[in-house]
Amino acid sequence: MDFKFDLIEDKIEFFAGNDLKTLEKKINEQIDHNKALLISVHSVSHQMHVDENGKPFYSAVVHFKAKK
Protein backbone atom coordinates (compact mmCIF):
# COMPACT_ATOMS: atom_id res chain seq x y z
CA MET A 1 0.00 0.00 0.00
CA ASP A 2 1.42 3.37 -1.04
CA PHE A 3 0.77 6.59 0.79
CA LYS A 4 1.16 9.83 -1.04
CA PHE A 5 1.15 13.12 0.84
CA ASP A 6 0.59 16.38 -0.98
CA LEU A 7 1.22 19.62 0.82
CA ILE A 8 -1.34 22.38 0.63
CA GLU A 9 0.32 25.30 -1.14
CA ASP A 10 -2.54 27.82 -1.27
CA LYS A 11 -5.65 28.18 0.83
CA ILE A 12 -8.17 31.03 0.93
CA GLU A 13 -10.53 31.39 3.88
CA PHE A 14 -13.41 33.76 4.60
CA PHE A 15 -14.29 35.15 8.02
CA ALA A 16 -17.13 37.29 9.37
CA GLY A 17 -18.06 38.85 12.69
CA ASN A 18 -20.18 41.51 14.34
CA ASP A 19 -17.15 43.25 15.83
CA LEU A 20 -13.44 43.50 15.14
CA LYS A 21 -12.47 41.59 18.28
CA THR A 22 -14.51 38.54 17.21
CA LEU A 23 -13.19 38.69 13.67
CA GLU A 24 -9.60 38.95 14.88
CA LYS A 25 -10.08 36.01 17.26
CA LYS A 26 -11.43 33.79 14.45
CA ILE A 27 -8.54 34.68 12.16
CA ASN A 28 -5.90 34.13 14.86
CA GLU A 29 -7.35 30.70 15.72
CA GLN A 30 -7.18 29.67 12.07
CA ILE A 31 -3.62 30.96 11.75
CA ASP A 32 -2.64 28.62 14.60
CA HIS A 33 -4.44 25.68 12.92
CA ASN A 34 -2.80 26.37 9.57
CA LYS A 35 0.68 26.38 11.13
CA ALA A 36 0.25 22.60 11.41
CA LEU A 37 -0.25 22.53 7.62
CA LEU A 38 2.96 24.55 7.19
CA ILE A 39 1.15 27.50 5.60
CA SER A 40 1.21 31.11 6.74
CA VAL A 41 -0.62 34.33 5.94
CA HIS A 42 0.24 35.73 2.53
CA SER A 43 -2.34 38.53 2.37
CA VAL A 44 -5.46 39.84 4.11
CA SER A 45 -8.37 41.83 2.68
CA HIS A 46 -11.12 43.17 4.92
CA GLN A 47 -14.33 45.17 4.70
CA MET A 48 -16.87 46.79 7.02
CA HIS A 49 -20.55 47.18 6.18
CA VAL A 50 -23.25 49.02 8.13
CA ASP A 51 -26.74 47.51 7.83
CA GLU A 52 -30.03 49.42 7.73
CA ASN A 53 -30.19 49.41 11.56
CA GLY A 54 -26.75 51.00 11.85
CA LYS A 55 -25.15 47.77 13.07
CA PRO A 56 -21.64 47.11 11.70
CA PHE A 57 -20.67 43.84 10.04
CA TYR A 58 -17.01 42.96 9.45
CA SER A 59 -15.61 40.45 6.98
CA ALA A 60 -12.15 39.36 5.88
CA VAL A 61 -10.51 37.14 3.29
CA VAL A 62 -7.19 35.60 4.27
CA HIS A 63 -4.87 34.01 1.72
CA PHE A 64 -2.61 31.38 3.27
CA LYS A 65 0.43 30.22 1.31
CA ALA A 66 3.19 27.69 1.84
CA LYS A 67 6.63 29.01 2.69
CA LYS A 68 9.22 28.26 0.04
PDB file of N, CA and C in Angstrom:
ATOM      1  N   MET A   1       0.844  -1.176   0.000  1.00  0.00           N
ATOM      2  CA  MET A   1       0.000   0.000   0.000  1.00  0.00           C
ATOM      3  C   MET A   1       0.891   1.240   0.000  1.00  0.00           C
ATOM      4  N   ASP A   2       0.646   2.128  -0.943  1.00  0.00           N
ATOM      5  CA  ASP A   2       1.415   3.371  -1.037  1.00  0.00           C
ATOM      6  C   ASP A   2       0.632   4.532  -0.455  1.00  0.00           C
ATOM      7  N   PHE A   3       1.351   5.361   0.276  1.00  0.00           N
ATOM      8  CA  PHE A   3       0.771   6.590   0.792  1.00  0.00           C
ATOM      9  C   PHE A   3       1.434   7.753   0.087  1.00  0.00           C
ATOM     10  N   LYS A   4       0.622   8.651  -0.383  1.00  0.00           N
ATOM     11  CA  LYS A   4       1.159   9.834  -1.042  1.00  0.00           C
ATOM     12  C   LYS A   4       0.625  11.063  -0.317  1.00  0.00           C
ATOM     13  N   PHE A   5       1.527  11.907   0.130  1.00  0.00           N
ATOM     14  CA  PHE A   5       1.148  13.116   0.843  1.00  0.00           C
ATOM     15  C   PHE A   5       1.446  14.334  -0.019  1.00  0.00           C
ATOM     16  N   ASP A   6       0.424  15.125  -0.253  1.00  0.00           N
ATOM     17  CA  ASP A   6       0.591  16.378  -0.980  1.00  0.00           C
ATOM     18  C   ASP A   6       0.414  17.529   0.000  1.00  0.00           C
ATOM     19  N   LEU A   7       1.324  18.453  -0.049  1.00  0.00           N
ATOM     20  CA  LEU A   7       1.225  19.615   0.816  1.00  0.00           C
ATOM     21  C   LEU A   7       0.264  20.630   0.215  1.00  0.00           C
ATOM     22  N   ILE A   8      -0.477  21.293   1.072  1.00  0.00           N
ATOM     23  CA  ILE A   8      -1.340  22.379   0.630  1.00  0.00           C
ATOM     24  C   ILE A   8      -0.452  23.586   0.385  1.00  0.00           C
ATOM     25  N   GLU A   9      -0.520  24.144  -0.811  1.00  0.00           N
ATOM     26  CA  GLU A   9       0.319  25.296  -1.136  1.00  0.00           C
ATOM     27  C   GLU A   9      -0.426  26.610  -1.017  1.00  0.00           C
ATOM     28  N   ASP A  10      -1.702  26.617  -1.350  1.00  0.00           N
ATOM     29  CA  ASP A  10      -2.535  27.821  -1.267  1.00  0.00           C
ATOM     30  C   ASP A  10      -3.876  27.466  -0.641  1.00  0.00           C
ATOM     31  N   LYS A  11      -4.355  28.383   0.191  1.00  0.00           N
ATOM     32  CA  LYS A  11      -5.648  28.176   0.830  1.00  0.00           C
ATOM     33  C   LYS A  11      -6.244  29.556   1.094  1.00  0.00           C
ATOM     34  N   ILE A  12      -7.491  29.763   0.700  1.00  0.00           N
ATOM     35  CA  ILE A  12      -8.170  31.034   0.927  1.00  0.00           C
ATOM     36  C   ILE A  12      -9.352  30.768   1.842  1.00  0.00           C
ATOM     37  N   GLU A  13      -9.441  31.573   2.916  1.00  0.00           N
ATOM     38  CA  GLU A  13     -10.526  31.394   3.876  1.00  0.00           C
ATOM     39  C   GLU A  13     -11.248  32.715   4.100  1.00  0.00           C
ATOM     40  N   PHE A  14     -12.555  32.607   4.385  1.00  0.00           N
ATOM     41  CA  PHE A  14     -13.407  33.763   4.600  1.00  0.00           C
ATOM     42  C   PHE A  14     -13.875  33.791   6.052  1.00  0.00           C
ATOM     43  N   PHE A  15     -13.900  34.979   6.635  1.00  0.00           N
ATOM     44  CA  PHE A  15     -14.293  35.151   8.021  1.00  0.00           C
ATOM     45  C   PHE A  15     -15.285  36.301   8.139  1.00  0.00           C
ATOM     46  N   ALA A  16     -16.168  36.224   9.140  1.00  0.00           N
ATOM     47  CA  ALA A  16     -17.130  37.293   9.370  1.00  0.00           C
ATOM     48  C   ALA A  16     -17.402  37.415  10.865  1.00  0.00           C
ATOM     49  N   GLY A  17     -17.743  38.627  11.287  1.00  0.00           N
ATOM     50  CA  GLY A  17     -18.058  38.855  12.688  1.00  0.00           C
ATOM     51  C   GLY A  17     -18.790  40.165  12.882  1.00  0.00           C
ATOM     52  N   ASN A  18     -19.439  40.288  14.036  1.00  0.00           N
ATOM     53  CA  ASN A  18     -20.184  41.506  14.345  1.00  0.00           C
ATOM     54  C   ASN A  18     -19.324  42.595  14.957  1.00  0.00           C
ATOM     55  N   ASP A  19     -18.092  42.240  15.339  1.00  0.00           N
ATOM     56  CA  ASP A  19     -17.149  43.249  15.834  1.00  0.00           C
ATOM     57  C   ASP A  19     -15.727  42.813  15.478  1.00  0.00           C
ATOM     58  N   LEU A  20     -14.822  43.781  15.535  1.00  0.00           N
ATOM     59  CA  LEU A  20     -13.438  43.497  15.136  1.00  0.00           C
ATOM     60  C   LEU A  20     -12.759  42.474  16.045  1.00  0.00           C
ATOM     61  N   LYS A  21     -13.094  42.512  17.327  1.00  0.00           N
ATOM     62  CA  LYS A  21     -12.474  41.589  18.276  1.00  0.00           C
ATOM     63  C   LYS A  21     -12.818  40.132  17.930  1.00  0.00           C
ATOM     64  N   THR A  22     -14.082  39.887  17.595  1.00  0.00           N
ATOM     65  CA  THR A  22     -14.511  38.539  17.215  1.00  0.00           C
ATOM     66  C   THR A  22     -13.847  38.100  15.919  1.00  0.00           C
ATOM     67  N   LEU A  23     -13.813  38.997  14.953  1.00  0.00           N
ATOM     68  CA  LEU A  23     -13.187  38.687  13.669  1.00  0.00           C
ATOM     69  C   LEU A  23     -11.705  38.362  13.845  1.00  0.00           C
ATOM     70  N   GLU A  24     -11.024  39.173  14.633  1.00  0.00           N
ATOM     71  CA  GLU A  24      -9.597  38.947  14.879  1.00  0.00           C
ATOM     72  C   GLU A  24      -9.361  37.613  15.583  1.00  0.00           C
ATOM     73  N   LYS A  25     -10.225  37.275  16.535  1.00  0.00           N
ATOM     74  CA  LYS A  25     -10.084  36.007  17.260  1.00  0.00           C
ATOM     75  C   LYS A  25     -10.227  34.820  16.307  1.00  0.00           C
ATOM     76  N   LYS A  26     -11.228  34.873  15.411  1.00  0.00           N
ATOM     77  CA  LYS A  26     -11.434  33.788  14.452  1.00  0.00           C
ATOM     78  C   LYS A  26     -10.219  33.622  13.535  1.00  0.00           C
ATOM     79  N   ILE A  27      -9.695  34.741  13.064  1.00  0.00           N
ATOM     80  CA  ILE A  27      -8.539  34.681  12.156  1.00  0.00           C
ATOM     81  C   ILE A  27      -7.315  34.133  12.884  1.00  0.00           C
ATOM     82  N   ASN A  28      -7.062  34.599  14.100  1.00  0.00           N
ATOM     83  CA  ASN A  28      -5.896  34.125  14.861  1.00  0.00           C
ATOM     84  C   ASN A  28      -5.981  32.637  15.172  1.00  0.00           C
ATOM     85  N   GLU A  29      -7.185  32.142  15.479  1.00  0.00           N
ATOM     86  CA  GLU A  29      -7.350  30.705  15.723  1.00  0.00           C
ATOM     87  C   GLU A  29      -7.012  29.900  14.467  1.00  0.00           C
ATOM     88  N   GLN A  30      -7.447  30.395  13.313  1.00  0.00           N
ATOM     89  CA  GLN A  30      -7.184  29.671  12.074  1.00  0.00           C
ATOM     90  C   GLN A  30      -5.710  29.750  11.680  1.00  0.00           C
ATOM     91  N   ILE A  31      -5.065  30.855  12.001  1.00  0.00           N
ATOM     92  CA  ILE A  31      -3.624  30.963  11.750  1.00  0.00           C
ATOM     93  C   ILE A  31      -2.889  29.873  12.523  1.00  0.00           C
ATOM     94  N   ASP A  32      -3.271  29.673  13.788  1.00  0.00           N
ATOM     95  CA  ASP A  32      -2.639  28.622  14.596  1.00  0.00           C
ATOM     96  C   ASP A  32      -2.901  27.238  14.007  1.00  0.00           C
ATOM     97  N   HIS A  33      -4.112  26.987  13.521  1.00  0.00           N
ATOM     98  CA  HIS A  33      -4.442  25.677  12.925  1.00  0.00           C
ATOM     99  C   HIS A  33      -3.637  25.454  11.646  1.00  0.00           C
ATOM    100  N   ASN A  34      -3.485  26.513  10.858  1.00  0.00           N
ATOM    101  CA  ASN A  34      -2.797  26.368   9.574  1.00  0.00           C
ATOM    102  C   ASN A  34      -1.283  26.248   9.725  1.00  0.00           C
ATOM    103  N   LYS A  35      -0.745  26.597  10.880  1.00  0.00           N
ATOM    104  CA  LYS A  35       0.683  26.381  11.130  1.00  0.00           C
ATOM    105  C   LYS A  35       1.012  24.887  11.065  1.00  0.00           C
ATOM    106  N   ALA A  36       0.059  24.054  11.478  1.00  0.00           N
ATOM    107  CA  ALA A  36       0.252  22.603  11.411  1.00  0.00           C
ATOM    108  C   ALA A  36       0.325  22.120   9.965  1.00  0.00           C
ATOM    109  N   LEU A  37      -0.287  22.871   9.047  1.00  0.00           N
ATOM    110  CA  LEU A  37      -0.246  22.528   7.625  1.00  0.00           C
ATOM    111  C   LEU A  37       0.938  23.171   6.918  1.00  0.00           C
ATOM    112  N   LEU A  38       1.766  23.870   7.693  1.00  0.00           N
ATOM    113  CA  LEU A  38       2.959  24.552   7.188  1.00  0.00           C
ATOM    114  C   LEU A  38       2.622  25.655   6.183  1.00  0.00           C
ATOM    115  N   ILE A  39       1.503  26.344   6.420  1.00  0.00           N
ATOM    116  CA  ILE A  39       1.154  27.495   5.598  1.00  0.00           C
ATOM    117  C   ILE A  39       0.986  28.714   6.500  1.00  0.00           C
ATOM    118  N   SER A  40       1.303  29.871   5.965  1.00  0.00           N
ATOM    119  CA  SER A  40       1.208  31.110   6.742  1.00  0.00           C
ATOM    120  C   SER A  40       0.468  32.167   5.928  1.00  0.00           C
ATOM    121  N   VAL A  41       0.155  33.266   6.573  1.00  0.00           N
ATOM    122  CA  VAL A  41      -0.619  34.329   5.938  1.00  0.00           C
ATOM    123  C   VAL A  41       0.204  34.991   4.835  1.00  0.00           C
ATOM    124  N   HIS A  42      -0.386  35.060   3.664  1.00  0.00           N
ATOM    125  CA  HIS A  42       0.236  35.731   2.526  1.00  0.00           C
ATOM    126  C   HIS A  42      -0.363  37.129   2.352  1.00  0.00           C
ATOM    127  N   SER A  43      -1.691  37.226   2.474  1.00  0.00           N
ATOM    128  CA  SER A  43      -2.340  38.530   2.375  1.00  0.00           C
ATOM    129  C   SER A  43      -3.697  38.498   3.074  1.00  0.00           C
ATOM    130  N   VAL A  44      -4.167  39.687   3.447  1.00  0.00           N
ATOM    131  CA  VAL A  44      -5.464  39.838   4.110  1.00  0.00           C
ATOM    132  C   VAL A  44      -6.208  40.989   3.448  1.00  0.00           C
ATOM    133  N   SER A  45      -7.491  40.775   3.195  1.00  0.00           N
ATOM    134  CA  SER A  45      -8.366  41.827   2.682  1.00  0.00           C
ATOM    135  C   SER A  45      -9.579  41.882   3.603  1.00  0.00           C
ATOM    136  N   HIS A  46      -9.995  43.074   3.982  1.00  0.00           N
ATOM    137  CA  HIS A  46     -11.121  43.173   4.915  1.00  0.00           C
ATOM    138  C   HIS A  46     -12.066  44.297   4.516  1.00  0.00           C
ATOM    139  N   GLN A  47     -13.307  44.173   4.985  1.00  0.00           N
ATOM    140  CA  GLN A  47     -14.331  45.174   4.705  1.00  0.00           C
ATOM    141  C   GLN A  47     -15.227  45.340   5.916  1.00  0.00           C
ATOM    142  N   MET A  48     -15.886  46.521   5.986  1.00  0.00           N
ATOM    143  CA  MET A  48     -16.873  46.786   7.019  1.00  0.00           C
ATOM    144  C   MET A  48     -18.121  47.306   6.329  1.00  0.00           C
ATOM    145  N   HIS A  49     -19.271  46.791   6.756  1.00  0.00           N
ATOM    146  CA  HIS A  49     -20.549  47.184   6.183  1.00  0.00           C
ATOM    147  C   HIS A  49     -21.474  47.577   7.328  1.00  0.00           C
ATOM    148  N   VAL A  50     -22.260  48.611   7.144  1.00  0.00           N
ATOM    149  CA  VAL A  50     -23.255  49.017   8.133  1.00  0.00           C
ATOM    150  C   VAL A  50     -24.628  48.686   7.570  1.00  0.00           C
ATOM    151  N   ASP A  51     -25.410  47.887   8.325  1.00  0.00           N
ATOM    152  CA  ASP A  51     -26.740  47.510   7.834  1.00  0.00           C
ATOM    153  C   ASP A  51     -27.750  48.636   8.050  1.00  0.00           C
ATOM    154  N   GLU A  52     -29.003  48.382   7.658  1.00  0.00           N
ATOM    155  CA  GLU A  52     -30.028  49.419   7.732  1.00  0.00           C
ATOM    156  C   GLU A  52     -30.342  49.865   9.162  1.00  0.00           C
ATOM    157  N   ASN A  53     -29.983  49.063  10.150  1.00  0.00           N
ATOM    158  CA  ASN A  53     -30.192  49.409  11.559  1.00  0.00           C
ATOM    159  C   ASN A  53     -28.982  50.110  12.167  1.00  0.00           C
ATOM    160  N   GLY A  54     -27.958  50.340  11.366  1.00  0.00           N
ATOM    161  CA  GLY A  54     -26.747  50.996  11.854  1.00  0.00           C
ATOM    162  C   GLY A  54     -25.769  50.060  12.537  1.00  0.00           C
ATOM    163  N   LYS A  55     -26.015  48.768  12.431  1.00  0.00           N
ATOM    164  CA  LYS A  55     -25.155  47.767  13.068  1.00  0.00           C
ATOM    165  C   LYS A  55     -24.019  47.393  12.113  1.00  0.00           C
ATOM    166  N   PRO A  56     -22.762  47.457  12.587  1.00  0.00           N
ATOM    167  CA  PRO A  56     -21.645  47.113  11.701  1.00  0.00           C
ATOM    168  C   PRO A  56     -21.492  45.600  11.519  1.00  0.00           C
ATOM    169  N   PHE A  57     -20.970  45.226  10.357  1.00  0.00           N
ATOM    170  CA  PHE A  57     -20.672  43.840  10.037  1.00  0.00           C
ATOM    171  C   PHE A  57     -19.294  43.821   9.388  1.00  0.00           C
ATOM    172  N   TYR A  58     -18.392  43.015   9.922  1.00  0.00           N
ATOM    173  CA  TYR A  58     -17.013  42.960   9.451  1.00  0.00           C
ATOM    174  C   TYR A  58     -16.750  41.630   8.758  1.00  0.00           C
ATOM    175  N   SER A  59     -15.988  41.671   7.675  1.00  0.00           N
ATOM    176  CA  SER A  59     -15.611  40.453   6.976  1.00  0.00           C
ATOM    177  C   SER A  59     -14.154  40.557   6.516  1.00  0.00           C
ATOM    178  N   ALA A  60     -13.554  39.388   6.316  1.00  0.00           N
ATOM    179  CA  ALA A  60     -12.153  39.355   5.879  1.00  0.00           C
ATOM    180  C   ALA A  60     -11.915  38.115   5.037  1.00  0.00           C
ATOM    181  N   VAL A  61     -10.985  38.256   4.104  1.00  0.00           N
ATOM    182  CA  VAL A  61     -10.510  37.144   3.287  1.00  0.00           C
ATOM    183  C   VAL A  61      -9.018  37.020   3.560  1.00  0.00           C
ATOM    184  N   VAL A  62      -8.600  35.833   3.957  1.00  0.00           N
ATOM    185  CA  VAL A  62      -7.190  35.603   4.274  1.00  0.00           C
ATOM    186  C   VAL A  62      -6.637  34.554   3.310  1.00  0.00           C
ATOM    187  N   HIS A  63      -5.550  34.910   2.648  1.00  0.00           N
ATOM    188  CA  HIS A  63      -4.875  34.006   1.718  1.00  0.00           C
ATOM    189  C   HIS A  63      -3.679  33.410   2.445  1.00  0.00           C
ATOM    190  N   PHE A  64      -3.707  32.111   2.646  1.00  0.00           N
ATOM    191  CA  PHE A  64      -2.609  31.384   3.272  1.00  0.00           C
ATOM    192  C   PHE A  64      -1.776  30.758   2.152  1.00  0.00           C
ATOM    193  N   LYS A  65      -0.466  30.747   2.339  1.00  0.00           N
ATOM    194  CA  LYS A  65       0.428  30.217   1.307  1.00  0.00           C
ATOM    195  C   LYS A  65       1.594  29.486   1.984  1.00  0.00           C
ATOM    196  N   ALA A  66       2.058  28.455   1.328  1.00  0.00           N
ATOM    197  CA  ALA A  66       3.192  27.688   1.842  1.00  0.00           C
ATOM    198  C   ALA A  66       4.470  28.503   1.729  1.00  0.00           C
ATOM    199  N   LYS A  67       5.327  28.355   2.732  1.00  0.00           N
ATOM    200  CA  LYS A  67       6.629  29.011   2.690  1.00  0.00           C
ATOM    201  C   LYS A  67       7.542  28.230   1.769  1.00  0.00           C
ATOM    202  N   LYS A  68       8.298  28.947   0.961  1.00  0.00           N
ATOM    203  CA  LYS A  68       9.219  28.256   0.043  1.00  0.00           C
ATOM    204  C   LYS A  68      10.636  28.678   0.285  1.00  0.00           C
TER     205      LYS A  68
END
